[in-house]
N, C-alpha and C. Protein backbone atom coordinates (compact mmCIF):
# COMPACT_ATOMS: atom_id res chain seq x y z
N UNK A 1 124.41 -24.64 127.97
CA UNK A 1 123.88 -24.52 129.05
C UNK A 1 122.94 -23.70 128.87
N UNK A 2 121.64 -24.13 128.08
CA UNK A 2 120.26 -23.33 127.38
C UNK A 2 120.47 -21.93 128.61
N UNK A 3 120.37 -20.54 128.31
CA UNK A 3 119.73 -19.42 129.18
C UNK A 3 118.28 -19.68 129.86
N UNK A 4 117.90 -19.15 131.13
CA UNK A 4 116.77 -18.84 131.65
C UNK A 4 115.75 -18.15 130.62
N UNK A 5 114.32 -18.48 130.47
CA UNK A 5 113.69 -18.01 129.41
C UNK A 5 114.00 -16.12 129.44
N UNK A 6 114.23 -15.68 130.60
CA UNK A 6 113.61 -14.35 131.02
C UNK A 6 115.52 -14.07 129.74
N UNK A 7 116.12 -14.51 129.93
CA UNK A 7 117.16 -14.05 129.33
C UNK A 7 117.00 -14.20 127.67
N UNK A 8 116.41 -14.92 127.27
CA UNK A 8 116.07 -14.86 125.91
C UNK A 8 115.52 -13.87 125.20
N UNK A 9 115.27 -12.38 125.80
CA UNK A 9 114.88 -11.33 125.36
C UNK A 9 113.12 -11.66 124.63
N UNK A 10 113.01 -10.49 124.11
CA UNK A 10 111.64 -10.36 123.14
C UNK A 10 111.70 -11.21 121.68
N UNK A 11 110.48 -11.95 121.63
CA UNK A 11 110.84 -12.52 120.34
C UNK A 11 109.99 -11.89 119.08
N UNK A 12 111.26 -11.28 118.11
CA UNK A 12 110.80 -10.08 117.12
C UNK A 12 110.81 -10.70 115.66
N UNK A 13 111.05 -12.00 115.31
CA UNK A 13 111.17 -12.58 113.99
C UNK A 13 111.48 -13.67 113.71
N UNK A 14 111.41 -13.99 112.73
CA UNK A 14 111.64 -15.58 112.39
C UNK A 14 112.47 -15.36 111.02
N UNK A 15 113.74 -16.58 111.18
CA UNK A 15 114.55 -16.77 109.55
C UNK A 15 113.66 -17.26 108.61
N UNK A 16 113.68 -16.72 107.42
CA UNK A 16 112.51 -17.03 106.27
C UNK A 16 113.50 -17.44 105.30
N UNK A 17 114.57 -17.18 104.99
CA UNK A 17 115.65 -17.49 103.87
C UNK A 17 117.57 -17.32 104.98
N UNK A 18 118.17 -17.94 104.05
CA UNK A 18 119.02 -17.68 104.14
C UNK A 18 120.28 -18.01 103.08
N UNK A 19 121.05 -16.70 102.71
CA UNK A 19 122.32 -16.85 101.66
C UNK A 19 123.48 -17.28 102.00
N UNK A 20 123.94 -18.58 102.11
CA UNK A 20 125.10 -19.36 102.52
C UNK A 20 126.18 -18.15 102.30
N UNK A 21 126.26 -18.46 100.67
CA UNK A 21 127.39 -17.28 100.09
C UNK A 21 128.10 -16.31 100.87
N UNK A 22 126.78 -16.04 100.84
CA UNK A 22 127.42 -14.31 101.63
C UNK A 22 126.63 -14.26 103.06
N UNK A 23 126.26 -15.27 104.02
CA UNK A 23 126.18 -14.96 105.09
C UNK A 23 125.14 -14.12 105.73
N UNK A 24 124.17 -14.16 104.81
CA UNK A 24 122.94 -12.88 104.76
C UNK A 24 121.57 -13.85 104.94
N UNK A 25 120.57 -13.62 106.34
CA UNK A 25 119.42 -14.00 106.66
C UNK A 25 118.19 -13.50 106.23
N UNK A 26 117.21 -13.27 106.12
CA UNK A 26 116.29 -12.47 105.79
C UNK A 26 115.05 -13.15 106.80
N UNK A 27 114.74 -11.95 107.33
CA UNK A 27 114.23 -11.94 108.76
C UNK A 27 112.75 -11.31 108.32
N UNK A 28 111.47 -12.17 108.76
CA UNK A 28 110.58 -11.50 108.89
C UNK A 28 110.10 -11.07 109.92
N UNK A 29 110.06 -9.82 110.42
CA UNK A 29 109.82 -9.17 111.61
C UNK A 29 108.37 -9.35 112.16
N UNK A 30 108.54 -9.29 113.18
CA UNK A 30 106.97 -9.62 113.84
C UNK A 30 107.32 -8.05 115.06
N UNK A 31 108.32 -7.13 115.00
CA UNK A 31 108.39 -6.22 116.00
C UNK A 31 109.52 -4.68 115.18
N UNK A 32 109.85 -4.30 115.95
CA UNK A 32 110.89 -3.16 115.29
C UNK A 32 112.20 -3.51 115.90
N UNK A 33 113.17 -3.04 115.05
CA UNK A 33 114.52 -3.24 114.94
C UNK A 33 115.48 -2.34 114.82
N UNK A 34 116.39 -1.71 115.03
CA UNK A 34 117.28 -0.99 114.86
C UNK A 34 118.57 -1.24 114.77
N UNK A 35 119.40 -0.45 114.06
CA UNK A 35 120.97 -0.69 114.04
C UNK A 35 121.58 -0.46 115.27
N UNK A 36 122.17 -1.10 116.07
CA UNK A 36 122.64 -0.96 117.31
C UNK A 36 122.10 -1.66 117.99
N UNK A 37 120.87 -2.19 117.70
CA UNK A 37 120.39 -3.42 118.82
C UNK A 37 121.01 -4.79 119.20
N UNK A 38 120.98 -5.53 120.05
CA UNK A 38 121.21 -6.86 119.72
C UNK A 38 120.27 -7.95 119.89
N UNK A 39 120.71 -8.72 119.22
CA UNK A 39 119.71 -10.08 118.89
C UNK A 39 120.09 -11.18 119.26
N UNK A 40 119.62 -12.42 119.27
CA UNK A 40 119.70 -13.47 119.42
C UNK A 40 118.99 -14.39 118.74
N UNK A 41 119.72 -15.21 118.21
CA UNK A 41 119.11 -16.45 116.94
C UNK A 41 119.30 -17.84 117.57
N UNK A 42 118.08 -18.16 117.78
CA UNK A 42 117.91 -19.31 118.03
C UNK A 42 117.06 -20.52 117.10
N UNK A 43 117.77 -22.27 117.35
CA UNK A 43 117.40 -23.15 116.55
C UNK A 43 118.01 -24.08 116.21
N UNK A 44 117.25 -25.05 116.06
CA UNK A 44 117.77 -26.51 115.95
C UNK A 44 118.05 -27.03 116.87
N UNK A 45 119.09 -27.92 117.10
CA UNK A 45 120.01 -28.39 118.69
C UNK A 45 120.96 -27.82 118.92
N UNK A 46 121.71 -26.89 118.30
CA UNK A 46 123.05 -26.19 118.09
C UNK A 46 123.03 -24.47 118.68
N UNK A 47 122.16 -24.28 117.65
CA UNK A 47 122.33 -22.69 117.47
C UNK A 47 121.74 -21.82 118.61
N UNK A 48 122.55 -20.77 118.91
CA UNK A 48 121.70 -20.00 119.90
C UNK A 48 122.95 -19.30 119.92
N UNK A 49 122.80 -18.02 119.33
CA UNK A 49 124.13 -17.03 119.31
C UNK A 49 123.03 -15.37 119.62
N UNK A 50 124.39 -14.76 119.83
CA UNK A 50 123.97 -13.50 119.98
C UNK A 50 124.79 -12.48 119.15
N UNK A 51 124.28 -11.38 118.68
CA UNK A 51 125.05 -10.45 117.87
C UNK A 51 124.20 -9.36 117.87
N UNK A 52 124.88 -8.05 117.48
CA UNK A 52 124.59 -6.87 117.49
C UNK A 52 124.26 -6.61 116.10
N UNK A 53 123.55 -5.92 116.08
CA UNK A 53 122.74 -5.52 114.45
C UNK A 53 123.91 -4.29 113.46
N UNK A 54 124.62 -5.07 113.08
CA UNK A 54 125.45 -3.47 112.37
C UNK A 54 125.17 -3.21 111.51
N UNK A 55 124.10 -3.46 110.80
CA UNK A 55 123.58 -2.76 109.24
C UNK A 55 122.39 -4.23 108.62
N UNK A 56 121.42 -3.09 108.30
CA UNK A 56 120.70 -3.91 107.75
C UNK A 56 119.81 -3.68 106.63
N UNK A 57 119.11 -4.20 105.66
CA UNK A 57 119.15 -3.91 104.26
C UNK A 57 117.18 -4.36 103.85
N UNK A 58 116.65 -3.62 102.89
CA UNK A 58 115.41 -3.85 102.44
C UNK A 58 115.74 -3.63 101.16
N UNK A 59 115.33 -4.89 100.30
CA UNK A 59 115.65 -4.94 98.43
C UNK A 59 117.15 -3.92 98.47
N UNK A 60 118.25 -4.27 99.02
CA UNK A 60 119.23 -3.72 98.57
C UNK A 60 119.36 -2.43 99.13
N UNK A 61 118.76 -1.76 99.94
CA UNK A 61 118.90 -0.54 100.40
C UNK A 61 118.99 -0.61 101.95
N UNK A 62 119.98 -0.03 102.36
CA UNK A 62 120.13 0.04 103.66
C UNK A 62 119.71 1.22 104.62
N UNK A 63 118.95 0.44 105.60
CA UNK A 63 118.63 1.27 106.81
C UNK A 63 118.92 1.27 108.27
N UNK A 64 118.13 2.34 108.79
CA UNK A 64 118.38 2.59 110.59
C UNK A 64 117.76 1.79 111.07
N UNK A 65 116.32 1.46 110.66
CA UNK A 65 115.38 1.06 111.42
C UNK A 65 114.58 0.26 110.68
N UNK A 66 113.67 -1.34 111.41
CA UNK A 66 112.54 -1.55 110.23
C UNK A 66 111.59 -1.75 111.22
N UNK A 67 110.47 -1.74 110.45
CA UNK A 67 109.02 -2.07 111.39
C UNK A 67 108.54 -3.65 111.62
N UNK A 68 107.54 -3.65 112.26
CA UNK A 68 107.09 -5.12 112.17
C UNK A 68 106.59 -4.84 110.97
N UNK A 69 106.32 -6.15 110.49
CA UNK A 69 106.05 -6.76 109.22
C UNK A 69 106.93 -6.93 107.98
N UNK A 70 108.10 -6.12 108.02
CA UNK A 70 108.69 -5.94 107.37
C UNK A 70 109.64 -7.07 107.29
N UNK A 71 110.44 -7.31 106.15
CA UNK A 71 111.55 -8.62 106.02
C UNK A 71 112.70 -8.20 105.60
N UNK A 72 113.73 -7.62 106.25
CA UNK A 72 115.00 -7.33 106.26
C UNK A 72 115.73 -8.29 105.98
N UNK A 73 117.44 -8.30 105.66
CA UNK A 73 118.10 -8.80 105.68
C UNK A 73 119.44 -8.45 106.20
N UNK A 74 120.13 -9.34 106.83
CA UNK A 74 120.89 -8.78 107.80
C UNK A 74 121.93 -9.93 107.55
N UNK A 75 123.33 -9.25 107.99
CA UNK A 75 124.53 -10.41 108.14
C UNK A 75 124.34 -11.07 109.46
N UNK A 76 124.68 -12.59 109.06
CA UNK A 76 124.78 -13.00 110.56
C UNK A 76 126.44 -13.96 110.65
N UNK A 77 126.53 -14.09 112.05
CA UNK A 77 127.75 -14.25 112.12
C UNK A 77 127.69 -15.66 111.99
N UNK A 78 126.71 -16.94 112.11
CA UNK A 78 126.88 -18.35 111.91
C UNK A 78 125.76 -18.49 111.09
N UNK A 79 125.87 -19.63 110.03
CA UNK A 79 124.95 -20.51 109.76
C UNK A 79 123.41 -20.53 110.50
N UNK A 80 122.36 -19.95 109.54
CA UNK A 80 120.98 -19.97 109.97
C UNK A 80 120.39 -20.94 109.04
N UNK A 81 119.15 -21.54 109.52
CA UNK A 81 118.31 -21.90 109.08
C UNK A 81 116.47 -21.25 108.75
N UNK A 82 115.79 -21.91 107.86
CA UNK A 82 114.77 -20.99 107.94
C UNK A 82 113.84 -21.62 108.99
N UNK A 83 112.43 -20.98 109.96
CA UNK A 83 112.22 -21.35 111.46
C UNK A 83 113.15 -20.97 112.51
N UNK A 84 114.20 -20.53 112.12
CA UNK A 84 114.93 -20.23 113.50
C UNK A 84 114.28 -18.43 113.81
N UNK A 85 114.43 -18.72 115.39
CA UNK A 85 113.49 -17.57 116.16
C UNK A 85 114.56 -16.51 115.88
N UNK A 86 113.89 -15.04 116.29
CA UNK A 86 114.94 -14.10 116.46
C UNK A 86 114.27 -13.16 117.44
N UNK A 87 115.40 -12.72 118.46
CA UNK A 87 114.75 -12.38 119.30
C UNK A 87 115.56 -10.84 120.22
N UNK A 88 115.20 -10.23 120.37
CA UNK A 88 115.89 -8.84 120.78
C UNK A 88 116.12 -8.44 122.36
N UNK A 89 117.23 -8.28 122.20
CA UNK A 89 117.31 -8.63 123.83
C UNK A 89 117.76 -7.09 124.55
């Protein structure tokens, strides 16, 4: 059952690439994100899940916070595709 718009959080980015073998999404950020935040990824007909940001990287270096306009690598628990939207809850 789809959630109401008020539950979906603030749009903070979009998936630009997905590495299937390692389960990592590259997300181009429109807003700040930090380790510990909860995000929701929505796309396609069946993808809609939430997860906590456990760790993220920029160019293979672990970071704690990322700013708008940065692209980050993030381990995701489900398969995602380019164009999927990322919300901060």
